[in-house]
Amino acid sequence: LSVIEGNDPAILLYEDLDFTHYSGTTELSHMPYSARFASQNDRLPSGYQFRKTSFGEWRRRWELAQRITPESIQGFYPICREQFEWLPILRWLGPLFYRWSKSRFIGIVVETDDGCVVATADLTAQIDNSAANTLRVSVDPDHSEITPALLTYCVDIFRGLSAEHMILMTVERWQEWVVESAIEHGFSIDYHQLRMGTRFP
């Protein structure tokens, strides 16, 4: 379960029920039109490339999450195929939903030259409605140097499609290099979510 950091009565209640804080997310926001222009450090290093993915392309994201999620977290919340795989009917309905809601989904992976995925990003850009843009980013800690370039690439997409809408960004708390880079790009931390869990005998 998730609890907003600072909600001490709820946290104490769950601790009394033997729940343990094992992870969490950082929730950030930013306006894409106010993002700073790319600097030299925001260029994707040699040996990497961006690739856009389709709505139903899930396997590479699953493999990355399995590889980089700490064992201490997977002890409470194992990374399972079912969390990423879309059923055929949902893969068919998904694009129709985005069209109906006047939004657009864009998936991005960063690959090494030999095809290894080292980062993913899921963007939902609002084209003609009042909702906020959303962004979720995950970066392999062994390749954290690509983070500034990935964030700049994502913000540039939002700037081109939906610059008048705020970006709401979710980052796993243990990926502090992503949070730090986001702040450097002008994102502000709105709040932290704590994940709490318990193990049954």
Protein backbone atom coordinates (compact mmCIF):
# COMPACT_ATOMS: atom_id res chain seq x y z
CA LEU A 1 0.00 0.00 0.00
CA SER A 2 1.03 3.66 -0.47
CA VAL A 3 0.91 6.49 2.06
CA ILE A 4 1.86 10.13 1.57
CA GLU A 5 5.00 10.93 3.55
CA GLY A 6 4.08 13.06 6.54
CA ASN A 7 0.74 11.37 7.13
CA ASP A 8 1.98 10.18 10.50
CA PRO A 9 -1.35 8.84 11.88
CA ALA A 10 -1.72 6.50 8.89
CA ILE A 11 1.94 5.47 8.98
CA LEU A 12 1.78 4.68 12.72
CA LEU A 13 -1.42 2.72 12.20
CA TYR A 14 0.15 0.53 9.54
CA GLU A 15 3.33 0.10 11.59
CA ASP A 16 1.17 -1.17 14.47
CA LEU A 17 -0.17 -3.75 11.98
CA ASP A 18 3.42 -4.88 11.25
CA PHE A 19 3.72 -3.04 7.94
CA THR A 20 7.25 -1.97 6.97
CA HIS A 21 8.33 0.98 4.83
CA TYR A 22 10.29 -0.66 2.02
CA SER A 23 10.20 1.79 -0.90
CA GLY A 24 8.33 4.74 -2.36
CA THR A 25 8.05 7.24 -5.17
CA THR A 26 8.86 10.91 -5.64
CA GLU A 27 6.16 12.95 -7.37
CA LEU A 28 7.36 16.01 -9.28
CA SER A 29 5.84 18.62 -11.58
CA HIS A 30 6.96 21.11 -14.20
CA MET A 31 5.65 23.27 -17.05
CA PRO A 32 7.29 22.16 -20.32
CA TYR A 33 7.43 25.64 -21.82
CA SER A 34 9.58 26.79 -18.89
CA ALA A 35 12.11 23.97 -19.23
CA ARG A 36 15.64 25.11 -19.81
CA PHE A 37 17.23 24.58 -23.17
CA ALA A 38 19.46 21.54 -23.62
CA SER A 39 23.08 21.96 -22.62
CA GLN A 40 26.11 20.03 -23.76
CA ASN A 41 25.55 17.57 -20.90
CA ASP A 42 22.04 16.80 -22.14
CA ARG A 43 23.22 15.16 -25.34
CA LEU A 44 22.94 11.38 -25.40
CA PRO A 45 26.44 9.94 -24.93
CA SER A 46 28.06 7.97 -27.70
CA GLY A 47 27.03 4.33 -27.73
CA TYR A 48 23.35 4.93 -26.92
CA GLN A 49 20.25 5.63 -28.98
CA PHE A 50 16.61 6.57 -28.43
CA ARG A 51 13.84 4.37 -29.80
CA LYS A 52 10.11 5.04 -29.64
CA THR A 53 7.91 2.06 -28.80
CA SER A 54 4.27 1.15 -29.38
CA PHE A 55 1.56 1.11 -26.72
CA GLY A 56 1.64 -2.65 -26.32
CA GLU A 57 5.42 -3.15 -26.30
CA TRP A 58 6.08 -4.33 -22.76
CA ARG A 59 8.75 -7.03 -22.69
CA ARG A 60 11.83 -4.77 -22.66
CA ARG A 61 10.38 -2.70 -19.80
CA TRP A 62 9.75 -5.86 -17.80
CA GLU A 63 13.28 -7.13 -18.39
CA LEU A 64 14.78 -3.79 -17.33
CA ALA A 65 12.68 -3.65 -14.15
CA GLN A 66 13.67 -7.21 -13.25
CA ARG A 67 17.32 -6.40 -13.73
CA ILE A 68 17.60 -3.13 -11.83
CA THR A 69 14.98 -3.24 -9.05
CA PRO A 70 16.77 -3.86 -5.72
CA GLU A 71 16.25 -7.26 -4.11
CA SER A 72 15.09 -5.55 -0.91
CA ILE A 73 12.11 -4.16 -2.82
CA GLN A 74 11.38 -7.31 -4.78
CA GLY A 75 11.17 -9.14 -1.46
CA PHE A 76 7.94 -7.22 -0.84
CA TYR A 77 6.83 -6.55 -4.41
CA PRO A 78 8.29 -9.02 -6.93
CA ILE A 79 8.61 -7.82 -10.51
CA CYS A 80 6.18 -10.04 -12.42
CA ARG A 81 5.43 -10.31 -16.11
CA GLU A 82 1.72 -9.67 -15.43
CA GLN A 83 2.50 -6.13 -14.21
CA PHE A 84 3.74 -5.18 -17.69
CA GLU A 85 2.03 -7.41 -20.23
CA TRP A 86 -1.13 -6.05 -21.84
CA LEU A 87 -3.84 -8.52 -22.79
CA PRO A 88 -4.56 -8.54 -26.55
CA ILE A 89 -7.92 -6.82 -26.04
CA LEU A 90 -6.27 -4.03 -24.03
CA ARG A 91 -3.57 -3.59 -26.67
CA TRP A 92 -6.40 -3.08 -29.15
CA LEU A 93 -8.50 -0.80 -26.93
CA GLY A 94 -5.60 1.31 -25.64
CA PRO A 95 -5.04 3.41 -28.77
CA LEU A 96 -8.80 3.92 -29.07
CA PHE A 97 -8.93 5.18 -25.48
CA TYR A 98 -6.14 7.68 -26.10
CA ARG A 99 -7.88 8.92 -29.23
CA TRP A 100 -11.18 9.25 -27.36
CA SER A 101 -9.54 11.13 -24.47
CA LYS A 102 -7.68 13.43 -26.89
CA SER A 103 -4.31 12.37 -25.59
CA ARG A 104 -1.31 10.53 -26.97
CA PHE A 105 0.89 7.81 -25.49
CA ILE A 106 4.58 7.74 -26.39
CA GLY A 107 6.92 5.04 -25.16
CA ILE A 108 10.68 5.54 -25.24
CA VAL A 109 13.57 3.21 -24.57
CA VAL A 110 17.27 4.00 -24.50
CA GLU A 111 19.36 1.20 -25.96
CA THR A 112 23.07 0.57 -26.16
CA ASP A 113 24.53 -0.10 -29.58
CA ASP A 114 24.29 -3.83 -28.90
CA GLY A 115 20.55 -3.60 -28.17
CA CYS A 116 20.52 -3.65 -24.35
CA VAL A 117 17.74 -1.47 -22.89
CA VAL A 118 19.10 0.76 -20.11
CA ALA A 119 16.22 3.20 -19.63
CA THR A 120 12.52 3.57 -20.34
CA ALA A 121 10.06 6.45 -20.32
CA ASP A 122 6.28 6.45 -20.65
CA LEU A 123 4.72 9.76 -21.73
CA THR A 124 1.07 10.71 -21.97
CA ALA A 125 0.63 14.05 -23.73
CA GLN A 126 -2.70 15.85 -23.50
CA ILE A 127 -3.60 17.16 -26.95
CA ASP A 128 -6.99 18.79 -26.51
CA ASN A 129 -8.22 18.55 -22.92
CA SER A 130 -7.49 20.05 -19.51
CA ALA A 131 -5.64 17.14 -17.91
CA ALA A 132 -1.95 17.14 -17.02
CA ASN A 133 0.76 15.44 -19.01
CA THR A 134 2.29 12.44 -17.24
CA LEU A 135 5.81 11.04 -17.32
CA ARG A 136 7.34 7.96 -15.74
CA VAL A 137 11.08 7.34 -16.11
CA SER A 138 13.33 4.44 -15.10
CA VAL A 139 17.10 4.40 -15.63
CA ASP A 140 19.62 1.63 -15.00
CA PRO A 141 21.98 2.90 -12.24
CA ASP A 142 24.95 1.57 -14.21
CA HIS A 143 24.02 3.99 -17.00
CA SER A 144 22.86 7.01 -14.96
CA GLU A 145 24.87 9.38 -17.18
CA ILE A 146 22.15 9.18 -19.83
CA THR A 147 19.49 10.63 -17.49
CA PRO A 148 19.85 14.34 -18.44
CA ALA A 149 19.58 13.52 -22.14
CA LEU A 150 16.51 11.34 -21.59
CA LEU A 151 14.71 14.01 -19.57
CA THR A 152 15.52 16.69 -22.13
CA TYR A 153 14.24 14.43 -24.90
CA CYS A 154 10.97 13.82 -23.03
CA VAL A 155 10.42 17.49 -22.16
CA ASP A 156 11.06 18.46 -25.79
CA ILE A 157 8.32 16.03 -26.87
CA PHE A 158 5.89 17.59 -24.40
CA ARG A 159 6.93 21.05 -25.50
CA GLY A 160 6.09 20.14 -29.10
CA LEU A 161 2.77 18.44 -28.39
CA SER A 162 1.33 19.95 -25.23
CA ALA A 163 3.40 22.85 -23.90
CA GLU A 164 0.48 24.48 -22.10
CA HIS A 165 -0.08 21.48 -19.83
CA MET A 166 1.84 20.73 -16.66
CA ILE A 167 4.01 17.59 -16.53
CA LEU A 168 3.43 15.31 -13.55
CA MET A 169 6.39 12.97 -13.14
CA THR A 170 6.72 9.83 -11.02
CA VAL A 171 10.14 8.42 -10.09
CA GLU A 172 10.97 5.43 -7.91
CA ARG A 173 12.49 6.80 -4.71
CA TRP A 174 15.59 4.61 -4.96
CA GLN A 175 16.44 6.15 -8.35
CA GLU A 176 17.82 9.30 -6.74
CA TRP A 177 19.92 10.12 -9.83
CA VAL A 178 16.70 10.60 -11.80
CA VAL A 179 15.21 12.85 -9.11
CA GLU A 180 18.38 14.95 -8.95
CA SER A 181 18.49 15.36 -12.73
CA ALA A 182 14.80 16.28 -12.84
CA ILE A 183 15.34 19.03 -10.25
CA GLU A 184 18.25 20.33 -12.33
CA HIS A 185 15.84 20.50 -15.28
CA GLY A 186 13.45 22.70 -13.30
CA PHE A 187 11.08 20.09 -11.88
CA SER A 188 9.80 20.64 -8.35
CA ILE A 189 9.09 17.93 -5.79
CA ASP A 190 5.40 17.95 -4.86
CA TYR A 191 5.40 15.10 -2.34
CA HIS A 192 6.75 11.64 -1.57
CA GLN A 193 4.75 8.44 -1.44
CA LEU A 194 5.85 5.71 0.97
CA ARG A 195 5.25 2.09 0.05
CA MET A 196 4.57 -0.16 3.00
CA GLY A 197 4.16 -3.91 3.09
CA THR A 198 4.08 -6.91 5.36
CA ARG A 199 4.99 -10.56 5.01
CA PHE A 200 2.58 -13.25 6.10
CA PRO A 201 3.88 -16.43 7.78
